[in-house]
Every structure is written in C-alpha cells, then in structure tokens.
C-alpha cells in the first residue's frame, strides 16, 4: 500500500506513531545556497536542532536553489530525529544529497541517531 501525505514534513511526522516505517526514500532540500559559517550551524543544531540562516542586514529571507526559502540549507537534526523515531529498529533510509553539501546531510543524520553505511 502506498500513502501520500501533503503538508509540512514535521507536522506529518509528529502525527506518525513510533516504529511505523521499515524504509524511507527521500530527496530532501540540498541547501545549495552560499556556504554557511560551520560554527554557527553547529551551535544552532546543538541548541534547537535546526539552522536558520542570518540574512545580511537582517532583512529579507535566505534562499537556496533559485532563491527558494525551503532550500536554504539541508534539513537539520530536528527533522531527522522525527524520521528516526518513526522508523522500526534496523530500518534503512535512502537519502539523496548534493556532493557540495552531503557532509552536512550526513552529520545531520548522525546527530539524529542514524548510522551512515
């Protein structure tokens, strides 16, 4: 059976019971905007699990690919923790990423509890 959910991924995941999935295949945002300050990413990830890019001058929105706000950076550990929670033990996640930002995606997944194989 295939089910399609429409909505913010965190909202959908919050409504999903623990240990629901045996496999996740996802093509999340690649975060192809200008490289961020690594220390700022880590501070925010460790503090609240997500990264919010600071825009120069404090005005406007930080955009990623073609200026899209949703692509300003890779998903943070807060999202992957919810994915991890909804996975059964031993579940496999196939997560696509860009070569330019795959190190961030991997670190985000590891901080959420996943093992990179």
PDB file of N, CA and C in Angstrom:
ATOM      1  N   UNK A   1       0.839  -1.175   0.000  1.00  0.00           N
ATOM      2  CA  UNK A   1       0.000   0.000   0.000  1.00  0.00           C
ATOM      3  C   UNK A   1       0.885   1.240   0.000  1.00  0.00           C
ATOM      4  N   UNK A   2       0.525   2.201  -0.805  1.00  0.00           N
ATOM      5  CA  UNK A   2       1.243   3.467  -0.871  1.00  0.00           C
ATOM      6  C   UNK A   2       0.312   4.563  -0.373  1.00  0.00           C
ATOM      7  N   UNK A   3       0.832   5.386   0.547  1.00  0.00           N
ATOM      8  CA  UNK A   3       0.058   6.526   1.043  1.00  0.00           C
ATOM      9  C   UNK A   3       0.859   7.786   0.783  1.00  0.00           C
ATOM     10  N   UNK A   4       0.176   8.799   0.338  1.00  0.00           N
ATOM     11  CA  UNK A   4       0.803  10.090   0.063  1.00  0.00           C
ATOM     12  C   UNK A   4       0.287  11.103   1.074  1.00  0.00           C
ATOM     13  N   UNK A   5       1.206  11.810   1.711  1.00  0.00           N
ATOM     14  CA  UNK A   5       0.842  12.821   2.699  1.00  0.00           C
ATOM     15  C   UNK A   5       1.210  14.192   2.153  1.00  0.00           C
ATOM     16  N   UNK A   6       0.331  15.141   2.350  1.00  0.00           N
ATOM     17  CA  UNK A   6       0.620  16.510   1.943  1.00  0.00           C
ATOM     18  C   UNK A   6       0.680  17.372   3.192  1.00  0.00           C
ATOM     19  N   UNK A   7       1.740  18.173   3.312  1.00  0.00           N
ATOM     20  CA  UNK A   7       1.878  19.049   4.464  1.00  0.00           C
ATOM     21  C   UNK A   7       3.328  19.220   4.849  1.00  0.00           C
ATOM     22  N   UNK A   8       3.559  19.991   5.870  1.00  0.00           N
ATOM     23  CA  UNK A   8       4.903  20.184   6.395  1.00  0.00           C
ATOM     24  C   UNK A   8       5.398  18.852   6.937  1.00  0.00           C
ATOM     25  N   UNK A   9       6.605  18.468   6.570  1.00  0.00           N
ATOM     26  CA  UNK A   9       7.121  17.153   6.942  1.00  0.00           C
ATOM     27  C   UNK A   9       7.147  16.943   8.458  1.00  0.00           C
ATOM     28  N   UNK A  10       7.486  17.966   9.228  1.00  0.00           N
ATOM     29  CA  UNK A  10       7.497  17.805  10.685  1.00  0.00           C
ATOM     30  C   UNK A  10       6.092  17.573  11.232  1.00  0.00           C
ATOM     31  N   UNK A  11       5.111  18.270  10.685  1.00  0.00           N
ATOM     32  CA  UNK A  11       3.729  18.069  11.139  1.00  0.00           C
ATOM     33  C   UNK A  11       3.267  16.648  10.838  1.00  0.00           C
ATOM     34  N   UNK A  12       3.561  16.172   9.646  1.00  0.00           N
ATOM     35  CA  UNK A  12       3.168  14.818   9.258  1.00  0.00           C
ATOM     36  C   UNK A  12       3.872  13.791  10.140  1.00  0.00           C
ATOM     37  N   UNK A  13       5.167  13.989  10.367  1.00  0.00           N
ATOM     38  CA  UNK A  13       5.926  13.049  11.189  1.00  0.00           C
ATOM     39  C   UNK A  13       5.447  13.043  12.641  1.00  0.00           C
ATOM     40  N   UNK A  14       5.110  14.219  13.181  1.00  0.00           N
ATOM     41  CA  UNK A  14       4.613  14.290  14.564  1.00  0.00           C
ATOM     42  C   UNK A  14       3.355  13.443  14.742  1.00  0.00           C
ATOM     43  N   UNK A  15       2.558  13.340  13.686  1.00  0.00           N
ATOM     44  CA  UNK A  15       1.311  12.580  13.754  1.00  0.00           C
ATOM     45  C   UNK A  15       1.505  11.089  13.450  1.00  0.00           C
ATOM     46  N   UNK A  16       2.745  10.686  13.173  1.00  0.00           N
ATOM     47  CA  UNK A  16       3.051   9.296  12.827  1.00  0.00           C
ATOM     48  C   UNK A  16       3.522   8.545  14.074  1.00  0.00           C
ATOM     49  N   UNK A  17       2.964   7.367  14.333  1.00  0.00           N
ATOM     50  CA  UNK A  17       3.387   6.589  15.512  1.00  0.00           C
ATOM     51  C   UNK A  17       4.845   6.132  15.426  1.00  0.00           C
ATOM     52  N   UNK A  18       5.447   5.895  16.572  1.00  0.00           N
ATOM     53  CA  UNK A  18       6.806   5.352  16.652  1.00  0.00           C
ATOM     54  C   UNK A  18       6.873   4.026  15.891  1.00  0.00           C
ATOM     55  N   UNK A  19       8.018   3.771  15.275  1.00  0.00           N
ATOM     56  CA  UNK A  19       8.275   2.473  14.658  1.00  0.00           C
ATOM     57  C   UNK A  19       7.334   2.096  13.529  1.00  0.00           C
ATOM     58  N   UNK A  20       6.902   3.052  12.752  1.00  0.00           N
ATOM     59  CA  UNK A  20       5.956   2.792  11.664  1.00  0.00           C
ATOM     60  C   UNK A  20       6.646   2.257  10.406  1.00  0.00           C
ATOM     61  N   UNK A  21       7.784   2.812  10.050  1.00  0.00           N
ATOM     62  CA  UNK A  21       8.387   2.548   8.743  1.00  0.00           C
ATOM     63  C   UNK A  21       9.577   1.587   8.792  1.00  0.00           C
ATOM     64  N   UNK A  22       9.686   0.762   7.747  1.00  0.00           N
ATOM     65  CA  UNK A  22      10.836  -0.131   7.596  1.00  0.00           C
ATOM     66  C   UNK A  22      11.847   0.438   6.616  1.00  0.00           C
ATOM     67  N   UNK A  23      11.427   1.413   5.822  1.00  0.00           N
ATOM     68  CA  UNK A  23      12.310   2.022   4.823  1.00  0.00           C
ATOM     69  C   UNK A  23      11.811   3.426   4.503  1.00  0.00           C
ATOM     70  N   UNK A  24      12.755   4.336   4.306  1.00  0.00           N
ATOM     71  CA  UNK A  24      12.440   5.705   3.911  1.00  0.00           C
ATOM     72  C   UNK A  24      13.306   6.032   2.706  1.00  0.00           C
ATOM     73  N   UNK A  25      12.690   6.520   1.654  1.00  0.00           N
ATOM     74  CA  UNK A  25      13.408   7.005   0.477  1.00  0.00           C
ATOM     75  C   UNK A  25      13.052   8.471   0.338  1.00  0.00           C
ATOM     76  N   UNK A  26      14.057   9.340   0.364  1.00  0.00           N
ATOM     77  CA  UNK A  26      13.775  10.769   0.359  1.00  0.00           C
ATOM     78  C   UNK A  26      14.810  11.552  -0.451  1.00  0.00           C
ATOM     79  N   UNK A  27      14.346  12.628  -1.027  1.00  0.00           N
ATOM     80  CA  UNK A  27      15.180  13.551  -1.800  1.00  0.00           C
ATOM     81  C   UNK A  27      14.966  14.940  -1.203  1.00  0.00           C
ATOM     82  N   UNK A  28      15.558  15.193  -0.022  1.00  0.00           N
ATOM     83  CA  UNK A  28      15.298  16.443   0.692  1.00  0.00           C
ATOM     84  C   UNK A  28      16.032  17.621   0.054  1.00  0.00           C
ATOM     85  N   UNK A  29      15.760  18.824   0.532  1.00  0.00           N
ATOM     86  CA  UNK A  29      16.484  20.000   0.028  1.00  0.00           C
ATOM     87  C   UNK A  29      17.990  19.824   0.175  1.00  0.00           C
ATOM     88  N   UNK A  30      18.717  20.274  -0.830  1.00  0.00           N
ATOM     89  CA  UNK A  30      20.177  20.109  -0.852  1.00  0.00           C
ATOM     90  C   UNK A  30      20.925  21.269  -0.205  1.00  0.00           C
ATOM     91  N   UNK A  31      20.277  22.393   0.001  1.00  0.00           N
ATOM     92  CA  UNK A  31      20.943  23.533   0.627  1.00  0.00           C
ATOM     93  C   UNK A  31      22.062  24.093  -0.211  1.00  0.00           C
ATOM     94  N   UNK A  32      21.778  24.403  -1.464  1.00  0.00           N
ATOM     95  CA  UNK A  32      22.825  24.838  -2.388  1.00  0.00           C
ATOM     96  C   UNK A  32      23.051  26.348  -2.401  1.00  0.00           C
ATOM     97  N   UNK A  33      22.676  27.022  -1.326  1.00  0.00           N
ATOM     98  CA  UNK A  33      22.953  28.454  -1.234  1.00  0.00           C
ATOM     99  C   UNK A  33      24.412  28.646  -0.812  1.00  0.00           C
ATOM    100  N   UNK A  34      24.787  29.879  -0.544  1.00  0.00           N
ATOM    101  CA  UNK A  34      26.167  30.162  -0.134  1.00  0.00           C
ATOM    102  C   UNK A  34      26.519  29.362   1.118  1.00  0.00           C
ATOM    103  N   UNK A  35      27.745  28.851   1.193  1.00  0.00           N
ATOM    104  CA  UNK A  35      28.144  28.063   2.371  1.00  0.00           C
ATOM    105  C   UNK A  35      27.995  28.871   3.658  1.00  0.00           C
ATOM    106  N   UNK A  36      27.425  28.264   4.694  1.00  0.00           N
ATOM    107  CA  UNK A  36      27.250  28.966   5.967  1.00  0.00           C
ATOM    108  C   UNK A  36      28.507  28.880   6.831  1.00  0.00           C
ATOM    109  N   UNK A  37      28.494  29.613   7.917  1.00  0.00           N
ATOM    110  CA  UNK A  37      29.559  29.521   8.909  1.00  0.00           C
ATOM    111  C   UNK A  37      29.375  28.200   9.654  1.00  0.00           C
ATOM    112  N   UNK A  38      30.328  27.260   9.543  1.00  0.00           N
ATOM    113  CA  UNK A  38      30.171  25.952  10.174  1.00  0.00           C
ATOM    114  C   UNK A  38      29.919  26.005  11.675  1.00  0.00           C
ATOM    115  N   UNK A  39      30.571  26.931  12.375  1.00  0.00           N
ATOM    116  CA  UNK A  39      30.371  27.034  13.818  1.00  0.00           C
ATOM    117  C   UNK A  39      28.950  27.477  14.149  1.00  0.00           C
ATOM    118  N   UNK A  40      28.383  28.351  13.324  1.00  0.00           N
ATOM    119  CA  UNK A  40      27.013  28.806  13.560  1.00  0.00           C
ATOM    120  C   UNK A  40      26.018  27.667  13.306  1.00  0.00           C
ATOM    121  N   UNK A  41      26.275  26.872  12.286  1.00  0.00           N
ATOM    122  CA  UNK A  41      25.414  25.712  12.019  1.00  0.00           C
ATOM    123  C   UNK A  41      25.436  24.776  13.214  1.00  0.00           C
ATOM    124  N   UNK A  42      26.613  24.444  13.705  1.00  0.00           N
ATOM    125  CA  UNK A  42      26.731  23.509  14.825  1.00  0.00           C
ATOM    126  C   UNK A  42      26.089  24.071  16.097  1.00  0.00           C
ATOM    127  N   UNK A  43      26.287  25.366  16.359  1.00  0.00           N
ATOM    128  CA  UNK A  43      25.656  25.972  17.536  1.00  0.00           C
ATOM    129  C   UNK A  43      24.137  25.814  17.482  1.00  0.00           C
ATOM    130  N   UNK A  44      23.566  26.144  16.330  1.00  0.00           N
ATOM    131  CA  UNK A  44      22.112  26.069  16.198  1.00  0.00           C
ATOM    132  C   UNK A  44      21.615  24.625  16.203  1.00  0.00           C
ATOM    133  N   UNK A  45      22.319  23.749  15.529  1.00  0.00           N
ATOM    134  CA  UNK A  45      21.908  22.337  15.514  1.00  0.00           C
ATOM    135  C   UNK A  45      21.921  21.747  16.915  1.00  0.00           C
ATOM    136  N   UNK A  46      22.936  22.055  17.688  1.00  0.00           N
ATOM    137  CA  UNK A  46      23.036  21.504  19.032  1.00  0.00           C
ATOM    138  C   UNK A  46      22.057  22.176  19.997  1.00  0.00           C
ATOM    139  N   UNK A  47      21.717  23.429  19.735  1.00  0.00           N
ATOM    140  CA  UNK A  47      20.790  24.150  20.614  1.00  0.00           C
ATOM    141  C   UNK A  47      19.338  23.767  20.371  1.00  0.00           C
ATOM    142  N   UNK A  48      18.903  23.785  19.095  1.00  0.00           N
ATOM    143  CA  UNK A  48      17.484  23.510  18.846  1.00  0.00           C
ATOM    144  C   UNK A  48      17.222  22.558  17.684  1.00  0.00           C
ATOM    145  N   UNK A  49      18.286  22.048  17.051  1.00  0.00           N
ATOM    146  CA  UNK A  49      18.109  21.031  16.023  1.00  0.00           C
ATOM    147  C   UNK A  49      17.846  21.535  14.626  1.00  0.00           C
ATOM    148  N   UNK A  50      17.862  22.849  14.430  1.00  0.00           N
ATOM    149  CA  UNK A  50      17.629  23.381  13.096  1.00  0.00           C
ATOM    150  C   UNK A  50      18.542  24.583  12.884  1.00  0.00           C
ATOM    151  N   UNK A  51      18.810  24.898  11.626  1.00  0.00           N
ATOM    152  CA  UNK A  51      19.670  26.024  11.289  1.00  0.00           C
ATOM    153  C   UNK A  51      18.844  27.083  10.585  1.00  0.00           C
ATOM    154  N   UNK A  52      18.944  28.309  11.064  1.00  0.00           N
ATOM    155  CA  UNK A  52      18.256  29.444  10.447  1.00  0.00           C
ATOM    156  C   UNK A  52      19.327  30.426  10.001  1.00  0.00           C
ATOM    157  N   UNK A  53      19.462  30.535   8.712  1.00  0.00           N
ATOM    158  CA  UNK A  53      20.497  31.407   8.141  1.00  0.00           C
ATOM    159  C   UNK A  53      20.180  32.867   8.451  1.00  0.00           C
ATOM    160  N   UNK A  54      21.188  33.585   8.898  1.00  0.00           N
ATOM    161  CA  UNK A  54      21.025  35.011   9.146  1.00  0.00           C
ATOM    162  C   UNK A  54      21.291  35.767   7.847  1.00  0.00           C
ATOM    163  N   UNK A  55      20.347  36.601   7.479  1.00  0.00           N
ATOM    164  CA  UNK A  55      20.453  37.365   6.247  1.00  0.00           C
ATOM    165  C   UNK A  55      21.223  38.648   6.534  1.00  0.00           C
ATOM    166  N   UNK A  56      22.135  38.994   5.638  1.00  0.00           N
ATOM    167  CA  UNK A  56      22.919  40.225   5.807  1.00  0.00           C
ATOM    168  C   UNK A  56      21.980  41.412   5.901  1.00  0.00           C
ATOM    169  N   UNK A  57      22.220  42.268   6.870  1.00  0.00           N
ATOM    170  CA  UNK A  57      21.383  43.436   7.060  1.00  0.00           C
ATOM    171  C   UNK A  57      20.114  43.140   7.842  1.00  0.00           C
ATOM    172  N   UNK A  58      19.863  41.844   8.112  1.00  0.00           N
ATOM    173  CA  UNK A  58      18.705  41.467   8.903  1.00  0.00           C
ATOM    174  C   UNK A  58      17.372  41.543   8.181  1.00  0.00           C
ATOM    175  N   UNK A  59      17.386  41.802   6.869  1.00  0.00           N
ATOM    176  CA  UNK A  59      16.126  41.910   6.131  1.00  0.00           C
ATOM    177  C   UNK A  59      16.066  40.849   5.045  1.00  0.00           C
ATOM    178  N   UNK A  60      14.861  40.474   4.691  1.00  0.00           N
ATOM    179  CA  UNK A  60      14.683  39.503   3.625  1.00  0.00           C
ATOM    180  C   UNK A  60      14.790  38.084   4.134  1.00  0.00           C
ATOM    181  N   UNK A  61      14.720  37.143   3.198  1.00  0.00           N
ATOM    182  CA  UNK A  61      14.795  35.725   3.545  1.00  0.00           C
ATOM    183  C   UNK A  61      16.001  35.108   2.860  1.00  0.00           C
ATOM    184  N   UNK A  62      16.581  34.136   3.520  1.00  0.00           N
ATOM    185  CA  UNK A  62      17.704  33.411   2.942  1.00  0.00           C
ATOM    186  C   UNK A  62      17.147  32.347   2.020  1.00  0.00           C
ATOM    187  N   UNK A  63      17.520  32.385   0.766  1.00  0.00           N
ATOM    188  CA  UNK A  63      17.020  31.405  -0.178  1.00  0.00           C
ATOM    189  C   UNK A  63      18.115  30.481  -0.648  1.00  0.00           C
ATOM    190  N   UNK A  64      17.715  29.352  -1.167  1.00  0.00           N
ATOM    191  CA  UNK A  64      18.655  28.379  -1.702  1.00  0.00           C
ATOM    192  C   UNK A  64      18.562  28.346  -3.213  1.00  0.00           C
ATOM    193  N   UNK A  65      18.413  27.164  -3.767  1.00  0.00           N
ATOM    194  CA  UNK A  65      18.353  26.974  -5.211  1.00  0.00           C
ATOM    195  C   UNK A  65      17.262  27.857  -5.812  1.00  0.00           C
ATOM    196  N   UNK A  66      17.628  28.676  -6.747  1.00  0.00           N
ATOM    197  CA  UNK A  66      16.714  29.606  -7.414  1.00  0.00           C
ATOM    198  C   UNK A  66      15.965  30.490  -6.412  1.00  0.00           C
ATOM    199  N   UNK A  67      16.611  30.790  -5.287  1.00  0.00           N
ATOM    200  CA  UNK A  67      16.040  31.674  -4.282  1.00  0.00           C
ATOM    201  C   UNK A  67      14.976  31.055  -3.405  1.00  0.00           C
ATOM    202  N   UNK A  68      14.784  29.742  -3.495  1.00  0.00           N
ATOM    203  CA  UNK A  68      13.725  29.074  -2.723  1.00  0.00           C
ATOM    204  C   UNK A  68      14.083  29.027  -1.234  1.00  0.00           C
ATOM    205  N   UNK A  69      13.208  29.561  -0.398  1.00  0.00           N
ATOM    206  CA  UNK A  69      13.431  29.577   1.048  1.00  0.00           C
ATOM    207  C   UNK A  69      13.582  28.167   1.615  1.00  0.00           C
ATOM    208  N   UNK A  70      12.790  27.222   1.128  1.00  0.00           N
ATOM    209  CA  UNK A  70      12.817  25.852   1.661  1.00  0.00           C
ATOM    210  C   UNK A  70      14.152  25.161   1.392  1.00  0.00           C
ATOM    211  N   UNK A  71      14.958  25.712   0.494  1.00  0.00           N
ATOM    212  CA  UNK A  71      16.234  25.086   0.135  1.00  0.00           C
ATOM    213  C   UNK A  71      17.434  25.865   0.684  1.00  0.00           C
ATOM    214  N   UNK A  72      17.222  26.685   1.708  1.00  0.00           N
ATOM    215  CA  UNK A  72      18.339  27.492   2.201  1.00  0.00           C
ATOM    216  C   UNK A  72      19.440  26.653   2.830  1.00  0.00           C
ATOM    217  N   UNK A  73      19.100  25.444   3.317  1.00  0.00           N
ATOM    218  CA  UNK A  73      20.110  24.554   3.898  1.00  0.00           C
ATOM    219  C   UNK A  73      19.525  23.156   3.996  1.00  0.00           C
ATOM    220  N   UNK A  74      20.369  22.175   4.265  1.00  0.00           N
ATOM    221  CA  UNK A  74      19.887  20.796   4.403  1.00  0.00           C
ATOM    222  C   UNK A  74      19.014  20.700   5.657  1.00  0.00           C
ATOM    223  N   UNK A  75      18.109  19.730   5.713  1.00  0.00           N
ATOM    224  CA  UNK A  75      17.281  19.564   6.913  1.00  0.00           C
ATOM    225  C   UNK A  75      18.158  19.284   8.135  1.00  0.00           C
ATOM    226  N   UNK A  76      17.800  19.895   9.242  1.00  0.00           N
ATOM    227  CA  UNK A  76      18.573  19.727  10.467  1.00  0.00           C
ATOM    228  C   UNK A  76      18.189  18.478  11.248  1.00  0.00           C
ATOM    229  N   UNK A  77      18.926  18.205  12.311  1.00  0.00           N
ATOM    230  CA  UNK A  77      18.672  17.019  13.131  1.00  0.00           C
ATOM    231  C   UNK A  77      17.252  16.951  13.697  1.00  0.00           C
ATOM    232  N   UNK A  78      16.583  18.085  13.877  1.00  0.00           N
ATOM    233  CA  UNK A  78      15.226  18.063  14.419  1.00  0.00           C
ATOM    234  C   UNK A  78      14.295  17.258  13.507  1.00  0.00           C
ATOM    235  N   UNK A  79      14.455  17.396  12.198  1.00  0.00           N
ATOM    236  CA  UNK A  79      13.639  16.627  11.256  1.00  0.00           C
ATOM    237  C   UNK A  79      14.048  15.160  11.264  1.00  0.00           C
ATOM    238  N   UNK A  80      15.347  14.912  11.208  1.00  0.00           N
ATOM    239  CA  UNK A  80      15.819  13.526  11.137  1.00  0.00           C
ATOM    240  C   UNK A  80      15.537  12.760  12.420  1.00  0.00           C
ATOM    241  N   UNK A  81      15.455  13.439  13.570  1.00  0.00           N
ATOM    242  CA  UNK A  81      15.075  12.748  14.816  1.00  0.00           C
ATOM    243  C   UNK A  81      13.658  12.208  14.716  1.00  0.00           C
ATOM    244  N   UNK A  82      12.782  12.970  14.077  1.00  0.00           N
ATOM    245  CA  UNK A  82      11.410  12.508  13.887  1.00  0.00           C
ATOM    246  C   UNK A  82      11.358  11.342  12.901  1.00  0.00           C
ATOM    247  N   UNK A  83      12.166  11.408  11.852  1.00  0.00           N
ATOM    248  CA  UNK A  83      12.238  10.282  10.914  1.00  0.00           C
ATOM    249  C   UNK A  83      12.753   9.051  11.664  1.00  0.00           C
ATOM    250  N   UNK A  84      13.807   9.223  12.449  1.00  0.00           N
ATOM    251  CA  UNK A  84      14.389   8.126  13.219  1.00  0.00           C
ATOM    252  C   UNK A  84      13.349   7.507  14.157  1.00  0.00           C
ATOM    253  N   UNK A  85      12.586   8.352  14.831  1.00  0.00           N
ATOM    254  CA  UNK A  85      11.559   7.883  15.760  1.00  0.00           C
ATOM    255  C   UNK A  85      10.488   7.058  15.060  1.00  0.00           C
ATOM    256  N   UNK A  86      10.153   7.441  13.844  1.00  0.00           N
ATOM    257  CA  UNK A  86       9.083   6.745  13.117  1.00  0.00           C
ATOM    258  C   UNK A  86       9.573   5.491  12.407  1.00  0.00           C
ATOM    259  N   UNK A  87      10.878   5.243  12.443  1.00  0.00           N
ATOM    260  CA  UNK A  87      11.440   4.044  11.806  1.00  0.00           C
ATOM    261  C   UNK A  87      11.507   2.889  12.802  1.00  0.00           C
ATOM    262  N   UNK A  88      11.287   1.692  12.288  1.00  0.00           N
ATOM    263  CA  UNK A  88      11.472   0.485  13.089  1.00  0.00           C
ATOM    264  C   UNK A  88      12.972   0.270  13.293  1.00  0.00           C
ATOM    265  N   UNK A  89      13.371  -0.457  14.332  1.00  0.00           N
ATOM    266  CA  UNK A  89      14.790  -0.772  14.503  1.00  0.00           C
ATOM    267  C   UNK A  89      15.325  -1.488  13.253  1.00  0.00           C
ATOM    268  N   UNK A  90      16.467  -1.046  12.773  1.00  0.00           N
ATOM    269  CA  UNK A  90      17.074  -1.648  11.586  1.00  0.00           C
ATOM    270  C   UNK A  90      16.552  -1.101  10.274  1.00  0.00           C
ATOM    271  N   UNK A  91      15.638  -0.127  10.323  1.00  0.00           N
ATOM    272  CA  UNK A  91      15.106   0.463   9.089  1.00  0.00           C
ATOM    273  C   UNK A  91      16.228   1.121   8.292  1.00  0.00           C
ATOM    274  N   UNK A  92      16.039   1.166   7.001  1.00  0.00           N
ATOM    275  CA  UNK A  92      17.018   1.764   6.093  1.00  0.00           C
ATOM    276  C   UNK A  92      16.460   3.072   5.560  1.00  0.00           C
ATOM    277  N   UNK A  93      17.316   4.104   5.526  1.00  0.00           N
ATOM    278  CA  UNK A  93      16.940   5.383   4.928  1.00  0.00           C
ATOM    279  C   UNK A  93      17.851   5.623   3.736  1.00  0.00           C
ATOM    280  N   UNK A  94      17.252   5.785   2.579  1.00  0.00           N
ATOM    281  CA  UNK A  94      17.983   6.160   1.373  1.00  0.00           C
ATOM    282  C   UNK A  94      17.742   7.644   1.181  1.00  0.00           C
ATOM    283  N   UNK A  95      18.774   8.435   1.421  1.00  0.00           N
ATOM    284  CA  UNK A  95      18.653   9.886   1.414  1.00  0.00           C
ATOM    285  C   UNK A  95      19.578  10.472   0.349  1.00  0.00           C
ATOM    286  N   UNK A  96      18.990  11.133  -0.622  1.00  0.00           N
ATOM    287  CA  UNK A  96      19.790  11.782  -1.651  1.00  0.00           C
ATOM    288  C   UNK A  96      20.351  13.093  -1.119  1.00  0.00           C
ATOM    289  N   UNK A  97      21.510  13.493  -1.645  1.00  0.00           N
ATOM    290  CA  UNK A  97      22.145  14.747  -1.249  1.00  0.00           C
ATOM    291  C   UNK A  97      23.062  15.200  -2.371  1.00  0.00           C
ATOM    292  N   UNK A  98      23.387  16.468  -2.360  1.00  0.00           N
ATOM    293  CA  UNK A  98      24.316  17.032  -3.346  1.00  0.00           C
ATOM    294  C   UNK A  98      25.750  16.829  -2.858  1.00  0.00           C
ATOM    295  N   UNK A  99      26.667  16.641  -3.783  1.00  0.00           N
ATOM    296  CA  UNK A  99      28.063  16.432  -3.388  1.00  0.00           C
ATOM    297  C   UNK A  99      28.614  17.632  -2.621  1.00  0.00           C
ATOM    298  N   UNK A 100      28.112  18.815  -2.907  1.00  0.00           N
ATOM    299  CA  UNK A 100      28.606  20.030  -2.255  1.00  0.00           C
ATOM    300  C   UNK A 100      28.166  20.141  -0.796  1.00  0.00           C
ATOM    301  N   UNK A 101      27.049  19.479  -0.449  1.00  0.00           N
ATOM    302  CA  UNK A 101      26.525  19.601   0.915  1.00  0.00           C
ATOM    303  C   UNK A 101      26.261  18.242   1.582  1.00  0.00           C
ATOM    304  N   UNK A 102      26.746  17.170   0.969  1.00  0.00           N
ATOM    305  CA  UNK A 102      26.452  15.846   1.535  1.00  0.00           C
ATOM    306  C   UNK A 102      27.058  15.656   2.921  1.00  0.00           C
ATOM    307  N   UNK A 103      28.165  16.334   3.211  1.00  0.00           N
ATOM    308  CA  UNK A 103      28.763  16.224   4.541  1.00  0.00           C
ATOM    309  C   UNK A 103      27.819  16.786   5.611  1.00  0.00           C
ATOM    310  N   UNK A 104      27.102  17.850   5.290  1.00  0.00           N
ATOM    311  CA  UNK A 104      26.128  18.404   6.227  1.00  0.00           C
ATOM    312  C   UNK A 104      24.951  17.450   6.412  1.00  0.00           C
ATOM    313  N   UNK A 105      24.484  16.865   5.309  1.00  0.00           N
ATOM    314  CA  UNK A 105      23.360  15.930   5.395  1.00  0.00           C
ATOM    315  C   UNK A 105      23.742  14.738   6.272  1.00  0.00           C
ATOM    316  N   UNK A 106      24.943  14.200   6.062  1.00  0.00           N
ATOM    317  CA  UNK A 106      25.396  13.051   6.852  1.00  0.00           C
ATOM    318  C   UNK A 106      25.504  13.402   8.326  1.00  0.00           C
ATOM    319  N   UNK A 107      26.075  14.551   8.618  1.00  0.00           N
ATOM    320  CA  UNK A 107      26.225  14.964  10.016  1.00  0.00           C
ATOM    321  C   UNK A 107      24.859  15.163  10.672  1.00  0.00           C
ATOM    322  N   UNK A 108      23.930  15.737   9.951  1.00  0.00           N
ATOM    323  CA  UNK A 108      22.578  15.937  10.470  1.00  0.00           C
ATOM    324  C   UNK A 108      21.915  14.600  10.792  1.00  0.00           C
ATOM    325  N   UNK A 109      22.074  13.627   9.899  1.00  0.00           N
ATOM    326  CA  UNK A 109      21.527  12.287  10.128  1.00  0.00           C
ATOM    327  C   UNK A 109      22.178  11.609  11.331  1.00  0.00           C
ATOM    328  N   UNK A 110      23.483  11.742  11.466  1.00  0.00           N
ATOM    329  CA  UNK A 110      24.211  11.128  12.593  1.00  0.00           C
ATOM    330  C   UNK A 110      23.771  11.761  13.909  1.00  0.00           C
ATOM    331  N   UNK A 111      23.619  13.084  13.936  1.00  0.00           N
ATOM    332  CA  UNK A 111      23.175  13.760  15.149  1.00  0.00           C
ATOM    333  C   UNK A 111      21.768  13.340  15.558  1.00  0.00           C
ATOM    334  N   UNK A 112      20.996  12.840  14.608  1.00  0.00           N
ATOM    335  CA  UNK A 112      19.634  12.371  14.885  1.00  0.00           C
ATOM    336  C   UNK A 112      19.590  10.918  15.345  1.00  0.00           C
ATOM    337  N   UNK A 113      20.712  10.204  15.219  1.00  0.00           N
ATOM    338  CA  UNK A 113      20.753   8.824  15.686  1.00  0.00           C
ATOM    339  C   UNK A 113      21.014   7.772  14.606  1.00  0.00           C
ATOM    340  N   UNK A 114      21.073   8.207  13.341  1.00  0.00           N
ATOM    341  CA  UNK A 114      21.308   7.254  12.259  1.00  0.00           C
ATOM    342  C   UNK A 114      22.786   6.889  12.155  1.00  0.00           C
ATOM    343  N   UNK A 115      23.043   5.724  11.600  1.00  0.00           N
ATOM    344  CA  UNK A 115      24.390   5.268  11.286  1.00  0.00           C
ATOM    345  C   UNK A 115      24.560   5.374   9.770  1.00  0.00           C
ATOM    346  N   UNK A 116      25.662   5.957   9.337  1.00  0.00           N
ATOM    347  CA  UNK A 116      25.916   6.106   7.903  1.00  0.00           C
ATOM    348  C   UNK A 116      26.664   4.867   7.418  1.00  0.00           C
ATOM    349  N   UNK A 117      26.108   4.204   6.424  1.00  0.00           N
ATOM    350  CA  UNK A 117      26.738   2.993   5.864  1.00  0.00           C
ATOM    351  C   UNK A 117      27.148   3.236   4.431  1.00  0.00           C
TER     352      UNK A 117
END
